């Protein structure tokens, strides 16, 4: 007898919680909710489980977009003018050093022997 009273109280409590949640959801409906959102909520209430999540449709496309955005943001055009001038001067000096290193032979500029490759 006591267990049935407890079950009845739990059942009534559960119904009350569900009723309050339903009224809370209904009070949040307005012109800003899309029809898709409404149907997702209705299906959630009807099936008792959340909708399945959709995986990424184009991960390579997203990766490409992210790398493009990164390259755009990392572009030196976004730096202050003084920083860009300093970078330009360093770039010119670096290219000159590279050209000089290419044109000058060094004692380490020798081919590997077959023994060294093995």
C-alpha atoms as a PDB file:
ATOM      1  CA  UNK A   1       0.000   0.000   0.000  1.00  0.00           C
ATOM      2  CA  UNK A   2       2.758   2.434   0.957  1.00  0.00           C
ATOM      3  CA  UNK A   3       4.716   1.624  -2.207  1.00  0.00           C
ATOM      4  CA  UNK A   4       1.685   2.422  -4.346  1.00  0.00           C
ATOM      5  CA  UNK A   5       1.326   5.803  -2.661  1.00  0.00           C
ATOM      6  CA  UNK A   6       5.005   6.511  -3.349  1.00  0.00           C
ATOM      7  CA  UNK A   7       4.608   5.433  -6.984  1.00  0.00           C
ATOM      8  CA  UNK A   8       1.558   7.665  -7.355  1.00  0.00           C
ATOM      9  CA  UNK A   9       3.435  10.644  -5.866  1.00  0.00           C
ATOM     10  CA  UNK A  10       6.398  10.048  -8.173  1.00  0.00           C
ATOM     11  CA  UNK A  11       4.068   9.733 -11.162  1.00  0.00           C
ATOM     12  CA  UNK A  12       2.260  12.968 -10.264  1.00  0.00           C
ATOM     13  CA  UNK A  13       5.578  14.744  -9.691  1.00  0.00           C
ATOM     14  CA  UNK A  14       6.872  13.589 -13.065  1.00  0.00           C
ATOM     15  CA  UNK A  15       3.702  14.746 -14.804  1.00  0.00           C
ATOM     16  CA  UNK A  16       3.992  18.148 -13.121  1.00  0.00           C
ATOM     17  CA  UNK A  17       7.627  18.554 -14.195  1.00  0.00           C
ATOM     18  CA  UNK A  18       6.751  17.621 -17.788  1.00  0.00           C
ATOM     19  CA  UNK A  19       3.807  20.030 -17.774  1.00  0.00           C
ATOM     20  CA  UNK A  20       6.005  22.891 -16.508  1.00  0.00           C
ATOM     21  CA  UNK A  21       8.686  22.161 -19.128  1.00  0.00           C
ATOM     22  CA  UNK A  22       6.073  22.042 -21.880  1.00  0.00           C
ATOM     23  CA  UNK A  23       4.605  25.383 -20.786  1.00  0.00           C
ATOM     24  CA  UNK A  24       8.101  26.866 -20.557  1.00  0.00           C
ATOM     25  CA  UNK A  25       8.871  25.706 -24.108  1.00  0.00           C
ATOM     26  CA  UNK A  26       5.556  27.008 -25.428  1.00  0.00           C
ATOM     27  CA  UNK A  27       6.157  30.400 -23.812  1.00  0.00           C
ATOM     28  CA  UNK A  28       9.476  30.663 -25.705  1.00  0.00           C
ATOM     29  CA  UNK A  29       7.824  30.329 -29.122  1.00  0.00           C
ATOM     30  CA  UNK A  30       7.958  33.565 -31.046  1.00  0.00           C
ATOM     31  CA  UNK A  31       8.679  34.919 -34.510  1.00  0.00           C
ATOM     32  CA  UNK A  32      12.411  34.239 -34.064  1.00  0.00           C
ATOM     33  CA  UNK A  33      11.996  30.456 -33.952  1.00  0.00           C
ATOM     34  CA  UNK A  34      12.325  28.757 -37.309  1.00  0.00           C
ATOM     35  CA  UNK A  35       9.900  26.088 -38.424  1.00  0.00           C
ATOM     36  CA  UNK A  36      12.785  23.610 -38.395  1.00  0.00           C
ATOM     37  CA  UNK A  37      13.531  24.391 -34.742  1.00  0.00           C
ATOM     38  CA  UNK A  38       9.892  23.886 -33.842  1.00  0.00           C
ATOM     39  CA  UNK A  39       9.719  20.516 -35.613  1.00  0.00           C
ATOM     40  CA  UNK A  40      12.946  19.376 -33.938  1.00  0.00           C
ATOM     41  CA  UNK A  41      11.452  20.200 -30.546  1.00  0.00           C
ATOM     42  CA  UNK A  42       8.167  18.497 -31.349  1.00  0.00           C
ATOM     43  CA  UNK A  43       9.985  15.372 -32.551  1.00  0.00           C
ATOM     44  CA  UNK A  44      12.120  15.444 -29.432  1.00  0.00           C
ATOM     45  CA  UNK A  45       9.029  15.529 -27.216  1.00  0.00           C
ATOM     46  CA  UNK A  46       7.259  12.861 -29.258  1.00  0.00           C
ATOM     47  CA  UNK A  47      10.204  10.427 -29.411  1.00  0.00           C
ATOM     48  CA  UNK A  48      11.717  11.229 -26.025  1.00  0.00           C
ATOM     49  CA  UNK A  49      15.250  11.482 -27.324  1.00  0.00           C
ATOM     50  CA  UNK A  50      17.366  14.259 -28.828  1.00  0.00           C
ATOM     51  CA  UNK A  51      17.799  14.414 -32.607  1.00  0.00           C
ATOM     52  CA  UNK A  52      20.857  12.747 -34.060  1.00  0.00           C
ATOM     53  CA  UNK A  53      23.761  15.030 -34.773  1.00  0.00           C
ATOM     54  CA  UNK A  54      24.818  15.586 -38.348  1.00  0.00           C
ATOM     55  CA  UNK A  55      28.488  15.076 -39.087  1.00  0.00           C
ATOM     56  CA  UNK A  56      30.514  17.549 -41.123  1.00  0.00           C
ATOM     57  CA  UNK A  57      29.378  17.514 -44.717  1.00  0.00           C
ATOM     58  CA  UNK A  58      32.632  18.756 -46.209  1.00  0.00           C
ATOM     59  CA  UNK A  59      35.629  18.614 -43.882  1.00  0.00           C
ATOM     60  CA  UNK A  60      38.121  19.289 -46.685  1.00  0.00           C
ATOM     61  CA  UNK A  61      36.125  22.362 -47.759  1.00  0.00           C
ATOM     62  CA  UNK A  62      36.046  23.646 -44.175  1.00  0.00           C
ATOM     63  CA  UNK A  63      39.786  23.018 -43.815  1.00  0.00           C
ATOM     64  CA  UNK A  64      40.449  24.909 -47.042  1.00  0.00           C
ATOM     65  CA  UNK A  65      38.312  27.856 -45.868  1.00  0.00           C
ATOM     66  CA  UNK A  66      40.111  27.947 -42.521  1.00  0.00           C
ATOM     67  CA  UNK A  67      43.553  27.857 -44.126  1.00  0.00           C
ATOM     68  CA  UNK A  68      42.544  30.649 -46.509  1.00  0.00           C
ATOM     69  CA  UNK A  69      41.294  32.781 -43.615  1.00  0.00           C
ATOM     70  CA  UNK A  70      44.509  32.120 -41.699  1.00  0.00           C
ATOM     71  CA  UNK A  71      46.621  33.112 -44.693  1.00  0.00           C
ATOM     72  CA  UNK A  72      44.604  36.306 -45.146  1.00  0.00           C
ATOM     73  CA  UNK A  73      44.942  37.257 -41.483  1.00  0.00           C
ATOM     74  CA  UNK A  74      48.651  36.402 -41.390  1.00  0.00           C
ATOM     75  CA  UNK A  75      49.349  38.594 -44.418  1.00  0.00           C
ATOM     76  CA  UNK A  76      51.803  41.387 -43.610  1.00  0.00           C
ATOM     77  CA  UNK A  77      49.415  43.926 -45.171  1.00  0.00           C
ATOM     78  CA  UNK A  78      47.615  43.934 -41.811  1.00  0.00           C
ATOM     79  CA  UNK A  79      50.773  45.082 -39.945  1.00  0.00           C
ATOM     80  CA  UNK A  80      51.513  48.743 -39.248  1.00  0.00           C
ATOM     81  CA  UNK A  81      53.477  50.529 -41.983  1.00  0.00           C
ATOM     82  CA  UNK A  82      56.713  50.630 -39.953  1.00  0.00           C
ATOM     83  CA  UNK A  83      56.575  46.876 -39.358  1.00  0.00           C
ATOM     84  CA  UNK A  84      55.973  46.265 -43.065  1.00  0.00           C
ATOM     85  CA  UNK A  85      58.980  48.436 -44.000  1.00  0.00           C
ATOM     86  CA  UNK A  86      61.181  46.558 -41.520  1.00  0.00           C
ATOM     87  CA  UNK A  87      59.994  43.208 -42.894  1.00  0.00           C
ATOM     88  CA  UNK A  88      60.629  44.375 -46.459  1.00  0.00           C
ATOM     89  CA  UNK A  89      64.175  45.394 -45.535  1.00  0.00           C
ATOM     90  CA  UNK A  90      64.808  42.054 -43.853  1.00  0.00           C
ATOM     91  CA  UNK A  91      63.371  40.166 -46.816  1.00  0.00           C
ATOM     92  CA  UNK A  92      65.693  41.952 -49.225  1.00  0.00           C
ATOM     93  CA  UNK A  93      68.708  41.230 -47.016  1.00  0.00           C
ATOM     94  CA  UNK A  94      67.725  37.586 -46.657  1.00  0.00           C
ATOM     95  CA  UNK A  95      67.402  37.102 -50.423  1.00  0.00           C
ATOM     96  CA  UNK A  96      70.854  38.664 -50.893  1.00  0.00           C
ATOM     97  CA  UNK A  97      72.326  36.205 -48.361  1.00  0.00           C
ATOM     98  CA  UNK A  98      70.641  33.309 -50.132  1.00  0.00           C
ATOM     99  CA  UNK A  99      72.001  34.398 -53.520  1.00  0.00           C
ATOM    100  CA  UNK A 100      75.486  34.751 -52.039  1.00  0.00           C
ATOM    101  CA  UNK A 101      75.295  31.295 -50.427  1.00  0.00           C
ATOM    102  CA  UNK A 102      74.197  29.764 -53.742  1.00  0.00           C
ATOM    103  CA  UNK A 103      77.026  31.378 -55.716  1.00  0.00           C
ATOM    104  CA  UNK A 104      79.861  30.653 -53.234  1.00  0.00           C
ATOM    105  CA  UNK A 105      81.266  27.169 -52.931  1.00  0.00           C
ATOM    106  CA  UNK A 106      81.888  25.712 -49.505  1.00  0.00           C
ATOM    107  CA  UNK A 107      84.055  22.807 -48.386  1.00  0.00           C
ATOM    108  CA  UNK A 108      80.863  21.020 -47.300  1.00  0.00           C
ATOM    109  CA  UNK A 109      79.449  21.144 -50.849  1.00  0.00           C
ATOM    110  CA  UNK A 110      80.412  17.579 -51.714  1.00  0.00           C
ATOM    111  CA  UNK A 111      78.268  14.752 -52.942  1.00  0.00           C
ATOM    112  CA  UNK A 112      77.439  11.846 -50.684  1.00  0.00           C
ATOM    113  CA  UNK A 113      79.231   8.613 -51.384  1.00  0.00           C
ATOM    114  CA  UNK A 114      77.317   5.355 -51.729  1.00  0.00           C
ATOM    115  CA  UNK A 115      78.766   4.206 -48.409  1.00  0.00           C
ATOM    116  CA  UNK A 116      77.456   7.309 -46.655  1.00  0.00           C
ATOM    117  CA  UNK A 117      73.985   6.779 -48.117  1.00  0.00           C
ATOM    118  CA  UNK A 118      73.784   3.224 -46.802  1.00  0.00           C
END
